[in-house]
């Protein structure tokens, strides 16, 4: 099973301080037992752009994303859980 977790930087309409944003990313990263990909960019939320960060990998089974969202004053955290399927190139 593969987990994809994406977080946004804003608290309501205001970006969180740089130190807090980096702490949020670090704490999320520490919840993974294996990481395949991570990166940051701009995400769309409620028709606005904000700094975002996504991690793809395997979450620790004890992870509580709701508690993490509350700690960093987030309305939500995006989570996708899926089985990875490799598509071979056409021959």
C-alpha atoms as a PDB file:
ATOM      1  CA  UNK A   1       0.000   0.000   0.000  1.00  0.00           C
ATOM      2  CA  UNK A   2       1.253   3.479  -0.867  1.00  0.00           C
ATOM      3  CA  UNK A   3       0.303   6.637   1.025  1.00  0.00           C
ATOM      4  CA  UNK A   4       0.299  10.136  -0.435  1.00  0.00           C
ATOM      5  CA  UNK A   5      -0.017  12.973   2.092  1.00  0.00           C
ATOM      6  CA  UNK A   6      -0.236  16.647   1.123  1.00  0.00           C
ATOM      7  CA  UNK A   7      -0.234  19.610   3.480  1.00  0.00           C
ATOM      8  CA  UNK A   8      -0.737  23.326   2.961  1.00  0.00           C
ATOM      9  CA  UNK A   9       1.093  26.167   4.647  1.00  0.00           C
ATOM     10  CA  UNK A  10      -1.762  28.571   5.307  1.00  0.00           C
ATOM     11  CA  UNK A  11      -3.640  28.978   8.559  1.00  0.00           C
ATOM     12  CA  UNK A  12      -6.902  30.407   7.229  1.00  0.00           C
ATOM     13  CA  UNK A  13      -5.549  32.900   4.658  1.00  0.00           C
ATOM     14  CA  UNK A  14      -2.171  33.584   6.259  1.00  0.00           C
ATOM     15  CA  UNK A  15       0.988  31.519   5.644  1.00  0.00           C
ATOM     16  CA  UNK A  16       2.495  30.103   8.841  1.00  0.00           C
ATOM     17  CA  UNK A  17       5.945  31.345   9.870  1.00  0.00           C
ATOM     18  CA  UNK A  18       8.887  29.706   8.078  1.00  0.00           C
ATOM     19  CA  UNK A  19      10.108  27.921  11.234  1.00  0.00           C
ATOM     20  CA  UNK A  20       6.622  26.506  11.940  1.00  0.00           C
ATOM     21  CA  UNK A  21       6.186  25.427   8.296  1.00  0.00           C
ATOM     22  CA  UNK A  22       9.522  23.565   8.360  1.00  0.00           C
ATOM     23  CA  UNK A  23       8.581  21.946  11.699  1.00  0.00           C
ATOM     24  CA  UNK A  24       5.254  20.828  10.199  1.00  0.00           C
ATOM     25  CA  UNK A  25       7.064  19.264   7.217  1.00  0.00           C
ATOM     26  CA  UNK A  26       9.659  17.584   9.463  1.00  0.00           C
ATOM     27  CA  UNK A  27       6.996  16.175  11.762  1.00  0.00           C
ATOM     28  CA  UNK A  28       4.983  14.834   8.821  1.00  0.00           C
ATOM     29  CA  UNK A  29       8.135  13.295   7.283  1.00  0.00           C
ATOM     30  CA  UNK A  30       8.887  11.535  10.581  1.00  0.00           C
ATOM     31  CA  UNK A  31       5.512   9.747  10.364  1.00  0.00           C
ATOM     32  CA  UNK A  32       6.674   7.700   7.349  1.00  0.00           C
ATOM     33  CA  UNK A  33       8.506   4.385   7.675  1.00  0.00           C
ATOM     34  CA  UNK A  34       9.524   4.571   4.006  1.00  0.00           C
ATOM     35  CA  UNK A  35       9.580   7.571   1.646  1.00  0.00           C
ATOM     36  CA  UNK A  36       9.588   7.219  -2.157  1.00  0.00           C
ATOM     37  CA  UNK A  37       9.136  10.866  -3.148  1.00  0.00           C
ATOM     38  CA  UNK A  38       8.692  14.272  -1.544  1.00  0.00           C
ATOM     39  CA  UNK A  39       8.449  17.794  -2.841  1.00  0.00           C
ATOM     40  CA  UNK A  40       6.943  21.206  -2.516  1.00  0.00           C
ATOM     41  CA  UNK A  41       5.061  23.502  -4.817  1.00  0.00           C
ATOM     42  CA  UNK A  42       1.843  25.490  -5.006  1.00  0.00           C
ATOM     43  CA  UNK A  43      -1.450  23.839  -4.169  1.00  0.00           C
ATOM     44  CA  UNK A  44      -4.985  24.999  -4.869  1.00  0.00           C
ATOM     45  CA  UNK A  45      -7.312  25.132  -1.887  1.00  0.00           C
ATOM     46  CA  UNK A  46     -10.678  26.887  -1.853  1.00  0.00           C
ATOM     47  CA  UNK A  47      -9.808  28.586  -5.150  1.00  0.00           C
ATOM     48  CA  UNK A  48      -6.600  30.103  -3.793  1.00  0.00           C
ATOM     49  CA  UNK A  49      -2.922  29.163  -4.102  1.00  0.00           C
ATOM     50  CA  UNK A  50      -0.728  28.295  -1.135  1.00  0.00           C
ATOM     51  CA  UNK A  51       2.627  26.672  -0.500  1.00  0.00           C
ATOM     52  CA  UNK A  52       2.153  22.911  -0.306  1.00  0.00           C
ATOM     53  CA  UNK A  53       4.240  19.855   0.486  1.00  0.00           C
ATOM     54  CA  UNK A  54       3.564  16.237  -0.498  1.00  0.00           C
ATOM     55  CA  UNK A  55       5.159  12.975   0.588  1.00  0.00           C
ATOM     56  CA  UNK A  56       4.669   9.597  -1.091  1.00  0.00           C
ATOM     57  CA  UNK A  57       5.602   6.459   0.814  1.00  0.00           C
ATOM     58  CA  UNK A  58       4.386   4.249   3.641  1.00  0.00           C
ATOM     59  CA  UNK A  59       2.962   5.849   6.776  1.00  0.00           C
ATOM     60  CA  UNK A  60       3.570   4.400  10.212  1.00  0.00           C
ATOM     61  CA  UNK A  61       0.389   2.542  11.227  1.00  0.00           C
ATOM     62  CA  UNK A  62       0.268   4.586  14.448  1.00  0.00           C
ATOM     63  CA  UNK A  63       0.144   7.930  12.615  1.00  0.00           C
ATOM     64  CA  UNK A  64      -2.716  10.240  13.574  1.00  0.00           C
ATOM     65  CA  UNK A  65      -3.006  12.903  10.884  1.00  0.00           C
ATOM     66  CA  UNK A  66      -6.016  14.491  12.623  1.00  0.00           C
ATOM     67  CA  UNK A  67      -3.852  15.294  15.660  1.00  0.00           C
ATOM     68  CA  UNK A  68      -1.143  16.695  13.403  1.00  0.00           C
ATOM     69  CA  UNK A  69      -3.721  18.893  11.618  1.00  0.00           C
ATOM     70  CA  UNK A  70      -4.971  20.194  14.970  1.00  0.00           C
ATOM     71  CA  UNK A  71      -1.439  20.921  16.240  1.00  0.00           C
ATOM     72  CA  UNK A  72      -0.670  23.053  13.171  1.00  0.00           C
ATOM     73  CA  UNK A  73      -4.146  24.676  13.024  1.00  0.00           C
ATOM     74  CA  UNK A  74      -5.085  23.063   9.725  1.00  0.00           C
ATOM     75  CA  UNK A  75      -8.653  22.454   8.556  1.00  0.00           C
ATOM     76  CA  UNK A  76      -7.515  19.172   7.021  1.00  0.00           C
ATOM     77  CA  UNK A  77      -4.645  17.130   5.610  1.00  0.00           C
ATOM     78  CA  UNK A  78      -5.020  15.325   2.263  1.00  0.00           C
ATOM     79  CA  UNK A  79      -4.413  11.563   2.311  1.00  0.00           C
ATOM     80  CA  UNK A  80      -4.592   9.085  -0.575  1.00  0.00           C
ATOM     81  CA  UNK A  81      -4.082   5.364   0.090  1.00  0.00           C
ATOM     82  CA  UNK A  82      -3.717   3.069  -2.885  1.00  0.00           C
ATOM     83  CA  UNK A  83      -2.024  -0.018  -4.199  1.00  0.00           C
ATOM     84  CA  UNK A  84       0.831   0.898  -6.545  1.00  0.00           C
ATOM     85  CA  UNK A  85       0.630  -0.521 -10.051  1.00  0.00           C
ATOM     86  CA  UNK A  86       3.628  -0.340 -12.379  1.00  0.00           C
ATOM     87  CA  UNK A  87       2.752   0.229 -16.046  1.00  0.00           C
ATOM     88  CA  UNK A  88       5.299  -1.198 -18.456  1.00  0.00           C
ATOM     89  CA  UNK A  89       6.367   0.789 -21.502  1.00  0.00           C
ATOM     90  CA  UNK A  90       4.861  -0.189 -24.837  1.00  0.00           C
ATOM     91  CA  UNK A  91       7.056  -2.411 -26.975  1.00  0.00           C
END
